[in-house]
Amino acid sequence: MAKRKKVKRVKRRVVRRKPSVSAAPKAAPREHKPAYASLEHMKRSKSKYVVVGTWALILAVILSVMLALVDTPYLVVVLVAVGFLVGFLNFEHEETVKFLVSTVSMLIIATALLLTGFSRLEIVAPVVALFLERASYNVIAVVAPASFVLSLKALRELAE
């Protein structure tokens, strides 16, 4: 058998150097602001007109669907006036795109429901078909003027 040689291990010393006096001082660490901090500021900075306009739009859409059960002669005129009011009161610059996308999708859905004509549904449940048709017209009467006014506001801001 071969003899093993003993290997002498040397301990290594870790030398820690003291910082020199001429070294530049470290900059203070930056404070990390969470992403939601800016959102909280935006939520607090909303004017009372924006809040009123938002609730007016929600209530107008709900009422337009509920009032589809009632046949009132001047209901469309009132709903269009509410739509214009919502368009003038509503939404700051940051919310314009979201609002326009949502209103365009609501208009497309309501128009698609009207274009299908509810023909098969009229055979099975004529009352339900009539309700859906009136609700679609009412939603269009509220949302179209609001989106029209807001799109004009957006065009004006782009032109400036």
Protein backbone atom coordinates (compact mmCIF):
# COMPACT_ATOMS: atom_id res chain seq x y z
CA MET A 1 0.00 0.00 0.00
CA ALA A 2 1.04 3.49 -0.74
CA LYS A 3 1.62 5.84 2.12
CA ARG A 4 -0.35 9.02 2.24
CA LYS A 5 1.50 12.20 2.71
CA LYS A 6 0.28 14.60 5.29
CA VAL A 7 -0.65 17.91 3.80
CA LYS A 8 -0.22 20.87 5.98
CA ARG A 9 -3.18 23.20 5.76
CA VAL A 10 -2.64 26.88 6.19
CA LYS A 11 -5.29 29.02 7.82
CA ARG A 12 -6.09 32.06 5.80
CA ARG A 13 -6.79 35.26 7.54
CA VAL A 14 -9.51 37.58 6.35
CA VAL A 15 -8.17 41.08 6.44
CA ARG A 16 -10.77 43.73 6.93
CA ARG A 17 -9.79 47.16 5.89
CA LYS A 18 -10.96 50.26 7.59
CA PRO A 19 -12.49 52.88 5.32
CA SER A 20 -10.15 55.68 4.56
CA VAL A 21 -10.93 59.18 5.68
CA SER A 22 -10.93 60.48 2.12
CA ALA A 23 -13.70 58.15 0.98
CA ALA A 24 -16.84 59.90 -0.23
CA PRO A 25 -19.88 59.53 2.02
CA LYS A 26 -22.59 57.20 0.81
CA ALA A 27 -25.76 58.71 -0.53
CA ALA A 28 -28.87 58.28 1.54
CA PRO A 29 -30.96 55.35 0.34
CA ARG A 30 -34.02 56.29 -1.68
CA GLU A 31 -37.38 55.74 -0.17
CA HIS A 32 -39.42 53.17 -2.01
CA LYS A 33 -42.94 54.34 -2.77
CA PRO A 34 -45.41 51.55 -3.38
CA ALA A 35 -47.42 51.62 -6.59
CA TYR A 36 -50.70 52.04 -4.76
CA ALA A 37 -49.56 55.31 -3.16
CA SER A 38 -50.13 57.20 -6.39
CA LEU A 39 -53.53 55.57 -6.81
CA GLU A 40 -54.57 56.69 -3.36
CA HIS A 41 -53.59 60.23 -4.27
CA MET A 42 -55.69 60.01 -7.43
CA LYS A 43 -58.66 58.69 -5.50
CA ARG A 44 -58.45 61.55 -3.02
CA SER A 45 -58.01 64.21 -5.69
CA LYS A 46 -61.29 63.50 -7.49
CA SER A 47 -63.61 66.43 -7.52
CA LYS A 48 -67.14 66.13 -6.25
CA TYR A 49 -68.46 66.55 -9.79
CA VAL A 50 -66.61 63.44 -10.95
CA VAL A 51 -68.07 61.42 -8.10
CA VAL A 52 -71.56 62.74 -8.83
CA GLY A 53 -71.12 61.98 -12.54
CA THR A 54 -69.93 58.45 -11.85
CA TRP A 55 -72.91 57.69 -9.63
CA ALA A 56 -75.24 59.40 -12.09
CA LEU A 57 -74.03 57.09 -14.87
CA ILE A 58 -74.44 53.96 -12.75
CA LEU A 59 -77.92 54.99 -11.61
CA ALA A 60 -78.93 56.04 -15.12
CA VAL A 61 -77.99 52.67 -16.60
CA ILE A 62 -79.78 50.80 -13.81
CA LEU A 63 -82.86 53.01 -14.13
CA SER A 64 -82.86 52.70 -17.90
CA VAL A 65 -83.03 48.93 -17.57
CA MET A 66 -85.69 49.11 -14.86
CA LEU A 67 -87.79 51.66 -16.77
CA ALA A 68 -87.97 49.29 -19.70
CA LEU A 69 -90.97 47.79 -17.91
CA VAL A 70 -92.85 51.10 -18.17
CA ASP A 71 -93.99 52.71 -21.41
CA THR A 72 -93.53 56.44 -20.82
CA PRO A 73 -93.79 58.86 -23.76
CA TYR A 74 -90.93 61.21 -22.80
CA LEU A 75 -88.62 58.67 -21.19
CA VAL A 76 -86.08 58.75 -24.03
CA VAL A 77 -85.79 62.54 -23.84
CA VAL A 78 -85.12 62.35 -20.10
CA LEU A 79 -82.56 59.57 -20.57
CA VAL A 80 -80.73 61.52 -23.30
CA ALA A 81 -80.63 64.59 -21.03
CA VAL A 82 -79.21 62.47 -18.21
CA GLY A 83 -76.63 61.06 -20.64
CA PHE A 84 -75.49 64.56 -21.61
CA LEU A 85 -75.35 65.55 -17.94
CA VAL A 86 -73.23 62.50 -17.14
CA GLY A 87 -70.90 63.32 -20.04
CA PHE A 88 -70.36 66.88 -18.82
CA LEU A 89 -69.90 65.99 -15.15
CA ASN A 90 -67.84 62.89 -15.53
CA PHE A 91 -64.31 61.71 -15.71
CA GLU A 92 -60.93 63.28 -15.55
CA HIS A 93 -58.27 62.95 -18.23
CA GLU A 94 -56.89 59.66 -16.84
CA GLU A 95 -60.27 57.95 -16.95
CA THR A 96 -61.31 59.03 -20.44
CA VAL A 97 -60.01 55.99 -22.31
CA LYS A 98 -61.52 53.53 -19.83
CA PHE A 99 -64.88 55.26 -20.04
CA LEU A 100 -64.90 55.41 -23.83
CA VAL A 101 -63.94 51.76 -24.17
CA SER A 102 -66.64 50.67 -21.74
CA THR A 103 -69.33 52.81 -23.36
CA VAL A 104 -68.41 51.61 -26.84
CA SER A 105 -68.66 48.01 -25.66
CA MET A 106 -72.05 48.73 -24.05
CA LEU A 107 -73.28 50.34 -27.27
CA ILE A 108 -72.05 47.39 -29.35
CA ILE A 109 -73.75 44.88 -27.07
CA ALA A 110 -77.04 46.80 -27.01
CA THR A 111 -76.99 47.23 -30.79
CA ALA A 112 -76.19 43.55 -31.30
CA LEU A 113 -79.15 42.62 -29.11
CA LEU A 114 -81.38 44.87 -31.17
CA LEU A 115 -80.08 43.57 -34.49
CA THR A 116 -80.76 39.97 -33.56
CA GLY A 117 -84.36 41.08 -33.32
CA PHE A 118 -85.16 38.67 -30.51
CA SER A 119 -87.07 36.70 -33.16
CA ARG A 120 -86.82 33.31 -31.51
CA LEU A 121 -87.29 34.76 -28.07
CA GLU A 122 -90.46 36.54 -29.21
CA ILE A 123 -92.01 33.20 -30.03
CA VAL A 124 -91.26 31.66 -26.65
CA ALA A 125 -91.48 34.66 -24.33
CA PRO A 126 -92.77 37.83 -25.98
CA VAL A 127 -92.78 39.81 -22.74
CA VAL A 128 -89.09 39.09 -22.10
CA ALA A 129 -88.21 39.99 -25.70
CA LEU A 130 -90.07 43.30 -25.38
CA PHE A 131 -88.32 44.05 -22.09
CA LEU A 132 -84.87 43.36 -23.57
CA GLU A 133 -85.62 45.48 -26.62
CA ARG A 134 -86.76 48.46 -24.54
CA ALA A 135 -83.84 48.07 -22.14
CA SER A 136 -81.41 48.09 -25.08
CA TYR A 137 -82.93 51.27 -26.47
CA ASN A 138 -82.84 52.91 -23.04
CA VAL A 139 -79.19 51.99 -22.44
CA ILE A 140 -78.28 53.41 -25.84
CA ALA A 141 -80.21 56.58 -25.00
CA VAL A 142 -78.13 57.10 -21.83
CA VAL A 143 -74.68 55.92 -22.90
CA ALA A 144 -74.46 57.40 -26.41
CA PRO A 145 -74.75 61.08 -25.38
CA ALA A 146 -72.31 60.59 -22.49
CA SER A 147 -69.71 58.98 -24.73
CA PHE A 148 -70.30 61.65 -27.40
CA VAL A 149 -69.59 64.48 -24.96
CA LEU A 150 -66.55 62.76 -23.51
CA SER A 151 -65.12 61.98 -26.94
CA LEU A 152 -65.47 65.69 -27.83
CA LYS A 153 -63.63 66.57 -24.61
CA ALA A 154 -60.86 64.12 -25.51
CA LEU A 155 -60.55 65.58 -29.01
CA ARG A 156 -60.29 69.07 -27.55
CA GLU A 157 -57.52 67.96 -25.20
CA LEU A 158 -55.65 66.34 -28.10
CA ALA A 159 -55.93 69.51 -30.13
CA GLU A 160 -54.39 71.64 -27.38
